[in-house]
Amino acid sequence: MENPRLPLIRVVDDEASLRRALVFLLESAGWQVAAYESAEAFLAAASEPAPPGCLILDIRMPLMSGLELQRILNERGISLPVIFLTGHADVSIAVQAMKHGACELIEKPFKDQVLLDAVGQAVRSDLARRDEASTRQALRSRLDKLSPRELEVARLIVEGLPNKTIGQRLDISERTVQVHRLHVMEKLDIHSSAELTQLMLKADQE
């Protein structure tokens, strides 16, 4: 049974012998693996949110190609590092794959260690991206504690404006700005404009 807390390596390849070999190699290296005989089978089993890991994808398959599957995943907002496998040295395909976010393109036949290294890098990348997204969401949740006016004041503080100028911008008194500023610091549990700037910049990163 798959453990949703562990990285999962998805293998999509219509060639049964290669699929079995990939599963054996990856499991021997300690990875949790799920294999699919087609892009359609993978999509039917795909869940959201997708567990961390990566997708090893044959670029040429009947019915739905690896590139087409990549496009659908992008449209659905399913973010998984993609390692493409191809038996054809096709530059145009490689360009398309990388342009749409593939992290690696490996030509068959390949050395086991080349694939394992690519998988390790892809998983590390995915875990780092998820950690950043989680941190960003937590920061945005903190900012949600602010009232609309407090958020306006906070953004102007980040611009480096003094209380008097902020008051003029928002047509409120300097004293009112000071009160809002105090509430911003208290609600966000921070103590300086520098901390506020760092928090808001991180929260706004895409």
C-alpha atoms as a PDB file:
ATOM      1  CA  MET A   1       0.000   0.000   0.000  1.00  0.00           C
ATOM      2  CA  GLU A   2       1.277   3.454  -0.903  1.00  0.00           C
ATOM      3  CA  ASN A   3       2.248   5.739   1.942  1.00  0.00           C
ATOM      4  CA  PRO A   4       0.997   9.246   1.038  1.00  0.00           C
ATOM      5  CA  ARG A   5       3.653  10.795   3.282  1.00  0.00           C
ATOM      6  CA  LEU A   6       6.515   9.319   1.257  1.00  0.00           C
ATOM      7  CA  PRO A   7       7.617  10.487  -2.195  1.00  0.00           C
ATOM      8  CA  LEU A   8       6.001   8.454  -4.962  1.00  0.00           C
ATOM      9  CA  ILE A   9       7.674   7.794  -8.308  1.00  0.00           C
ATOM     10  CA  ARG A  10       5.090   7.337 -11.071  1.00  0.00           C
ATOM     11  CA  VAL A  11       6.198   5.380 -14.134  1.00  0.00           C
ATOM     12  CA  VAL A  12       4.143   5.688 -17.331  1.00  0.00           C
ATOM     13  CA  ASP A  13       5.377   3.506 -20.207  1.00  0.00           C
ATOM     14  CA  ASP A  14       3.486   1.296 -22.652  1.00  0.00           C
ATOM     15  CA  GLU A  15       6.385  -1.175 -22.906  1.00  0.00           C
ATOM     16  CA  ALA A  16       5.708  -3.799 -20.223  1.00  0.00           C
ATOM     17  CA  SER A  17       9.269  -5.117 -19.963  1.00  0.00           C
ATOM     18  CA  LEU A  18      10.753  -1.656 -19.493  1.00  0.00           C
ATOM     19  CA  ARG A  19       8.017  -0.746 -17.042  1.00  0.00           C
ATOM     20  CA  ARG A  20       8.812  -3.792 -14.910  1.00  0.00           C
ATOM     21  CA  ALA A  21      12.542  -3.061 -15.104  1.00  0.00           C
ATOM     22  CA  LEU A  22      12.005   0.522 -13.987  1.00  0.00           C
ATOM     23  CA  VAL A  23       9.827  -0.539 -11.082  1.00  0.00           C
ATOM     24  CA  PHE A  24      12.440  -3.096  -9.986  1.00  0.00           C
ATOM     25  CA  LEU A  25      15.283  -0.560 -10.249  1.00  0.00           C
ATOM     26  CA  LEU A  26      13.445   2.153  -8.344  1.00  0.00           C
ATOM     27  CA  GLU A  27      12.136  -0.142  -5.621  1.00  0.00           C
ATOM     28  CA  SER A  28      15.628  -1.607  -5.221  1.00  0.00           C
ATOM     29  CA  ALA A  29      16.853   1.938  -4.605  1.00  0.00           C
ATOM     30  CA  GLY A  30      14.225   2.359  -1.877  1.00  0.00           C
ATOM     31  CA  TRP A  31      11.628   4.404  -3.736  1.00  0.00           C
ATOM     32  CA  GLN A  32       7.872   3.935  -3.526  1.00  0.00           C
ATOM     33  CA  VAL A  33       6.657   3.281  -7.097  1.00  0.00           C
ATOM     34  CA  ALA A  34       3.373   3.202  -9.019  1.00  0.00           C
ATOM     35  CA  ALA A  35       3.396   2.052 -12.658  1.00  0.00           C
ATOM     36  CA  TYR A  36       0.888   2.674 -15.460  1.00  0.00           C
ATOM     37  CA  GLU A  37       0.708   1.192 -18.942  1.00  0.00           C
ATOM     38  CA  SER A  38      -0.675   4.335 -20.551  1.00  0.00           C
ATOM     39  CA  ALA A  39      -1.231   8.030 -20.051  1.00  0.00           C
ATOM     40  CA  GLU A  40      -4.953   7.345 -19.847  1.00  0.00           C
ATOM     41  CA  ALA A  41      -4.436   4.852 -17.012  1.00  0.00           C
ATOM     42  CA  PHE A  42      -2.341   7.379 -15.125  1.00  0.00           C
ATOM     43  CA  LEU A  43      -4.955  10.110 -15.487  1.00  0.00           C
ATOM     44  CA  ALA A  44      -7.687   7.750 -14.322  1.00  0.00           C
ATOM     45  CA  ALA A  45      -5.735   7.077 -11.137  1.00  0.00           C
ATOM     46  CA  ALA A  46      -4.409  10.599 -10.554  1.00  0.00           C
ATOM     47  CA  SER A  47      -5.527  12.241  -7.336  1.00  0.00           C
ATOM     48  CA  GLU A  48      -5.350  15.732  -5.913  1.00  0.00           C
ATOM     49  CA  PRO A  49      -3.410  16.853  -4.097  1.00  0.00           C
ATOM     50  CA  ALA A  50      -0.800  14.690  -5.793  1.00  0.00           C
ATOM     51  CA  PRO A  51       1.673  13.048  -3.384  1.00  0.00           C
ATOM     52  CA  PRO A  52       5.215  14.417  -3.667  1.00  0.00           C
ATOM     53  CA  GLY A  53       7.663  12.748  -6.033  1.00  0.00           C
ATOM     54  CA  CYS A  54       8.082  12.786  -9.794  1.00  0.00           C
ATOM     55  CA  LEU A  55       6.787  11.306 -13.032  1.00  0.00           C
ATOM     56  CA  ILE A  56       8.892   9.143 -15.358  1.00  0.00           C
ATOM     57  CA  LEU A  57       7.140   9.391 -18.669  1.00  0.00           C
ATOM     58  CA  ASP A  58       7.694   7.749 -22.046  1.00  0.00           C
ATOM     59  CA  ILE A  59       7.548  10.493 -24.632  1.00  0.00           C
ATOM     60  CA  ARG A  60       6.068   8.315 -27.417  1.00  0.00           C
ATOM     61  CA  MET A  61       3.025   6.202 -26.584  1.00  0.00           C
ATOM     62  CA  PRO A  62      -0.054   5.155 -28.559  1.00  0.00           C
ATOM     63  CA  LEU A  63      -3.272   7.169 -28.210  1.00  0.00           C
ATOM     64  CA  MET A  64      -1.916   9.798 -25.827  1.00  0.00           C
ATOM     65  CA  SER A  65       1.742  10.802 -26.001  1.00  0.00           C
ATOM     66  CA  GLY A  66       3.855  11.827 -23.059  1.00  0.00           C
ATOM     67  CA  LEU A  67       3.826  15.422 -24.277  1.00  0.00           C
ATOM     68  CA  GLU A  68       0.038  15.405 -24.402  1.00  0.00           C
ATOM     69  CA  LEU A  69      -0.127  14.045 -20.852  1.00  0.00           C
ATOM     70  CA  GLN A  70       2.283  16.751 -19.722  1.00  0.00           C
ATOM     71  CA  ARG A  71       0.044  19.399 -21.301  1.00  0.00           C
ATOM     72  CA  ILE A  72      -3.053  18.035 -19.540  1.00  0.00           C
ATOM     73  CA  LEU A  73      -1.282  17.952 -16.176  1.00  0.00           C
ATOM     74  CA  ASN A  74      -0.206  21.574 -16.659  1.00  0.00           C
ATOM     75  CA  GLU A  75      -3.770  22.568 -17.548  1.00  0.00           C
ATOM     76  CA  ARG A  76      -5.068  20.844 -14.410  1.00  0.00           C
ATOM     77  CA  GLY A  77      -2.470  22.530 -12.244  1.00  0.00           C
ATOM     78  CA  ILE A  78      -0.913  19.203 -11.234  1.00  0.00           C
ATOM     79  CA  SER A  79       2.696  20.126 -10.578  1.00  0.00           C
ATOM     80  CA  LEU A  80       5.020  17.153 -10.762  1.00  0.00           C
ATOM     81  CA  PRO A  81       8.618  17.124 -12.009  1.00  0.00           C
ATOM     82  CA  VAL A  82       8.632  15.159 -15.272  1.00  0.00           C
ATOM     83  CA  ILE A  83      11.508  12.980 -16.464  1.00  0.00           C
ATOM     84  CA  PHE A  84      10.937  12.052 -20.094  1.00  0.00           C
ATOM     85  CA  LEU A  85      12.256   8.838 -21.593  1.00  0.00           C
ATOM     86  CA  THR A  86      12.711   8.682 -25.341  1.00  0.00           C
ATOM     87  CA  GLY A  87      14.170   6.219 -27.792  1.00  0.00           C
ATOM     88  CA  HIS A  88      14.470   8.894 -30.434  1.00  0.00           C
ATOM     89  CA  ALA A  89      17.047  11.663 -30.537  1.00  0.00           C
ATOM     90  CA  ASP A  90      14.441  14.235 -31.496  1.00  0.00           C
ATOM     91  CA  VAL A  91      15.554  17.783 -30.749  1.00  0.00           C
ATOM     92  CA  SER A  92      12.139  19.356 -31.397  1.00  0.00           C
ATOM     93  CA  ILE A  93      10.462  16.986 -28.945  1.00  0.00           C
ATOM     94  CA  ALA A  94      13.116  17.720 -26.336  1.00  0.00           C
ATOM     95  CA  VAL A  95      12.602  21.454 -26.788  1.00  0.00           C
ATOM     96  CA  GLN A  96       8.825  21.098 -26.376  1.00  0.00           C
ATOM     97  CA  ALA A  97       9.239  18.915 -23.297  1.00  0.00           C
ATOM     98  CA  MET A  98      11.640  21.286 -21.558  1.00  0.00           C
ATOM     99  CA  LYS A  99       9.636  24.354 -22.587  1.00  0.00           C
ATOM    100  CA  HIS A 100       6.585  22.940 -20.834  1.00  0.00           C
ATOM    101  CA  GLY A 101       8.439  22.224 -17.613  1.00  0.00           C
ATOM    102  CA  ALA A 102      10.170  18.845 -17.942  1.00  0.00           C
ATOM    103  CA  CYS A 103      13.148  18.637 -15.617  1.00  0.00           C
ATOM    104  CA  GLU A 104      15.057  15.972 -17.583  1.00  0.00           C
ATOM    105  CA  LEU A 105      15.053  14.148 -20.920  1.00  0.00           C
ATOM    106  CA  ILE A 106      16.833  10.782 -20.931  1.00  0.00           C
ATOM    107  CA  GLU A 107      17.454   8.818 -24.103  1.00  0.00           C
ATOM    108  CA  LYS A 108      17.014   5.031 -24.132  1.00  0.00           C
ATOM    109  CA  PRO A 109      18.975   2.933 -23.458  1.00  0.00           C
ATOM    110  CA  PHE A 110      20.219   4.655 -20.331  1.00  0.00           C
ATOM    111  CA  LYS A 111      22.470   3.777 -17.417  1.00  0.00           C
ATOM    112  CA  ASP A 112      20.641   2.962 -14.204  1.00  0.00           C
ATOM    113  CA  GLN A 113      22.574   5.541 -12.212  1.00  0.00           C
ATOM    114  CA  VAL A 114      21.706   8.302 -14.687  1.00  0.00           C
ATOM    115  CA  LEU A 115      18.013   7.670 -14.082  1.00  0.00           C
ATOM    116  CA  LEU A 116      18.403   7.310 -10.310  1.00  0.00           C
ATOM    117  CA  ASP A 117      20.330  10.584 -10.126  1.00  0.00           C
ATOM    118  CA  ALA A 118      17.616  12.335 -12.151  1.00  0.00           C
ATOM    119  CA  VAL A 119      14.896  10.906  -9.894  1.00  0.00           C
ATOM    120  CA  GLY A 120      16.716  12.027  -6.753  1.00  0.00           C
ATOM    121  CA  GLN A 121      17.119  15.544  -8.086  1.00  0.00           C
ATOM    122  CA  ALA A 122      13.489  15.708  -9.241  1.00  0.00           C
ATOM    123  CA  VAL A 123      12.159  14.566  -5.860  1.00  0.00           C
ATOM    124  CA  ARG A 124      14.344  17.051  -3.978  1.00  0.00           C
ATOM    125  CA  SER A 125      13.070  19.785  -6.270  1.00  0.00           C
ATOM    126  CA  ASP A 126       9.442  18.805  -5.701  1.00  0.00           C
ATOM    127  CA  LEU A 127       9.829  18.640  -1.912  1.00  0.00           C
ATOM    128  CA  ALA A 128      11.522  22.052  -1.868  1.00  0.00           C
ATOM    129  CA  ARG A 129       8.749  23.545  -4.017  1.00  0.00           C
ATOM    130  CA  ARG A 130       6.092  22.119  -1.705  1.00  0.00           C
ATOM    131  CA  ASP A 131       7.870  23.426   1.390  1.00  0.00           C
ATOM    132  CA  GLU A 132       8.028  26.906  -0.153  1.00  0.00           C
ATOM    133  CA  ALA A 133       4.350  26.756  -1.099  1.00  0.00           C
ATOM    134  CA  SER A 134       3.421  25.639   2.421  1.00  0.00           C
ATOM    135  CA  THR A 135       5.436  28.454   3.971  1.00  0.00           C
ATOM    136  CA  ARG A 136       3.895  30.980   1.584  1.00  0.00           C
ATOM    137  CA  GLN A 137       0.385  29.777   2.434  1.00  0.00           C
ATOM    138  CA  ALA A 138       1.098  30.032   6.156  1.00  0.00           C
ATOM    139  CA  LEU A 139       2.310  33.621   5.703  1.00  0.00           C
ATOM    140  CA  ARG A 140      -0.760  34.510   3.654  1.00  0.00           C
ATOM    141  CA  SER A 141      -2.955  33.081   6.405  1.00  0.00           C
ATOM    142  CA  ARG A 142      -1.243  35.424   8.857  1.00  0.00           C
ATOM    143  CA  LEU A 143      -1.897  38.373   6.553  1.00  0.00           C
ATOM    144  CA  ASP A 144      -5.556  37.355   6.351  1.00  0.00           C
ATOM    145  CA  LYS A 145      -5.850  38.397  10.017  1.00  0.00           C
ATOM    146  CA  LEU A 146      -5.475  42.008   8.938  1.00  0.00           C
ATOM    147  CA  SER A 147      -8.445  44.196   8.091  1.00  0.00           C
ATOM    148  CA  PRO A 148      -8.512  45.730   4.602  1.00  0.00           C
ATOM    149  CA  ARG A 149      -7.355  49.076   6.027  1.00  0.00           C
ATOM    150  CA  GLU A 150      -4.579  47.456   8.060  1.00  0.00           C
ATOM    151  CA  LEU A 151      -3.391  45.668   4.931  1.00  0.00           C
ATOM    152  CA  GLU A 152      -3.324  48.979   3.057  1.00  0.00           C
ATOM    153  CA  VAL A 153      -1.231  50.503   5.824  1.00  0.00           C
ATOM    154  CA  ALA A 154       1.066  47.467   5.867  1.00  0.00           C
ATOM    155  CA  ARG A 155       1.745  47.725   2.135  1.00  0.00           C
ATOM    156  CA  LEU A 156       2.579  51.407   2.438  1.00  0.00           C
ATOM    157  CA  ILE A 157       4.895  50.675   5.376  1.00  0.00           C
ATOM    158  CA  VAL A 158       6.682  48.175   3.131  1.00  0.00           C
ATOM    159  CA  GLU A 159       7.111  50.958   0.564  1.00  0.00           C
ATOM    160  CA  GLY A 160       9.084  52.798   3.233  1.00  0.00           C
ATOM    161  CA  LEU A 161       6.611  55.636   3.697  1.00  0.00           C
ATOM    162  CA  PRO A 162       6.455  57.510   7.029  1.00  0.00           C
ATOM    163  CA  ASN A 163       3.228  57.625   9.026  1.00  0.00           C
ATOM    164  CA  LYS A 164       2.442  61.183   7.937  1.00  0.00           C
ATOM    165  CA  THR A 165       2.667  60.304   4.232  1.00  0.00           C
ATOM    166  CA  ILE A 166       0.636  57.119   4.735  1.00  0.00           C
ATOM    167  CA  GLY A 167      -2.056  59.194   6.408  1.00  0.00           C
ATOM    168  CA  GLN A 168      -2.119  61.594   3.487  1.00  0.00           C
ATOM    169  CA  ARG A 169      -2.319  58.722   1.001  1.00  0.00           C
ATOM    170  CA  LEU A 170      -5.248  57.124   2.831  1.00  0.00           C
ATOM    171  CA  ASP A 171      -6.877  60.388   3.966  1.00  0.00           C
ATOM    172  CA  ILE A 172      -6.632  59.454   7.644  1.00  0.00           C
ATOM    173  CA  SER A 173      -4.833  61.079  10.562  1.00  0.00           C
ATOM    174  CA  GLU A 174      -1.258  60.281  11.481  1.00  0.00           C
ATOM    175  CA  ARG A 175      -2.517  59.070  14.854  1.00  0.00           C
ATOM    176  CA  THR A 176      -4.867  56.613  13.122  1.00  0.00           C
ATOM    177  CA  VAL A 177      -1.963  55.344  11.043  1.00  0.00           C
ATOM    178  CA  GLN A 178      -0.001  54.745  14.247  1.00  0.00           C
ATOM    179  CA  VAL A 179      -2.893  52.720  15.679  1.00  0.00           C
ATOM    180  CA  HIS A 180      -3.199  50.635  12.505  1.00  0.00           C
ATOM    181  CA  ARG A 181       0.556  50.130  12.479  1.00  0.00           C
ATOM    182  CA  LEU A 182       0.452  48.857  16.063  1.00  0.00           C
ATOM    183  CA  HIS A 183      -2.388  46.450  15.219  1.00  0.00           C
ATOM    184  CA  VAL A 184      -0.462  45.144  12.187  1.00  0.00           C
ATOM    185  CA  MET A 185       2.575  44.378  14.322  1.00  0.00           C
ATOM    186  CA  GLU A 186       0.489  42.745  17.059  1.00  0.00           C
ATOM    187  CA  LYS A 187      -1.618  40.601  14.712  1.00  0.00           C
ATOM    188  CA  LEU A 188       1.408  39.417  12.727  1.00  0.00           C
ATOM    189  CA  ASP A 189       3.532  38.974  15.877  1.00  0.00           C
ATOM    190  CA  ILE A 190       6.403  41.004  14.463  1.00  0.00           C
ATOM    191  CA  HIS A 191       8.384  43.923  15.822  1.00  0.00           C
ATOM    192  CA  SER A 192       9.804  45.929  12.933  1.00  0.00           C
ATOM    193  CA  SER A 193       9.172  47.239   9.452  1.00  0.00           C
ATOM    194  CA  ALA A 194      11.974  44.997   8.204  1.00  0.00           C
ATOM    195  CA  GLU A 195      10.166  41.893   9.478  1.00  0.00           C
ATOM    196  CA  LEU A 196       6.943  43.097   7.880  1.00  0.00           C
ATOM    197  CA  THR A 197       8.696  43.648   4.555  1.00  0.00           C
ATOM    198  CA  GLN A 198      10.250  40.185   4.619  1.00  0.00           C
ATOM    199  CA  LEU A 199       6.932  38.545   5.513  1.00  0.00           C
ATOM    200  CA  MET A 200       4.970  40.292   2.767  1.00  0.00           C
ATOM    201  CA  LEU A 201       7.603  39.689   0.104  1.00  0.00           C
ATOM    202  CA  LYS A 202       7.667  35.967   0.888  1.00  0.00           C
ATOM    203  CA  ALA A 203       3.874  35.775   0.964  1.00  0.00           C
ATOM    204  CA  ASP A 204       3.604  37.440  -2.453  1.00  0.00           C
ATOM    205  CA  GLN A 205       6.104  35.154  -4.185  1.00  0.00           C
ATOM    206  CA  GLU A 206       4.602  32.945  -6.891  1.00  0.00           C
END
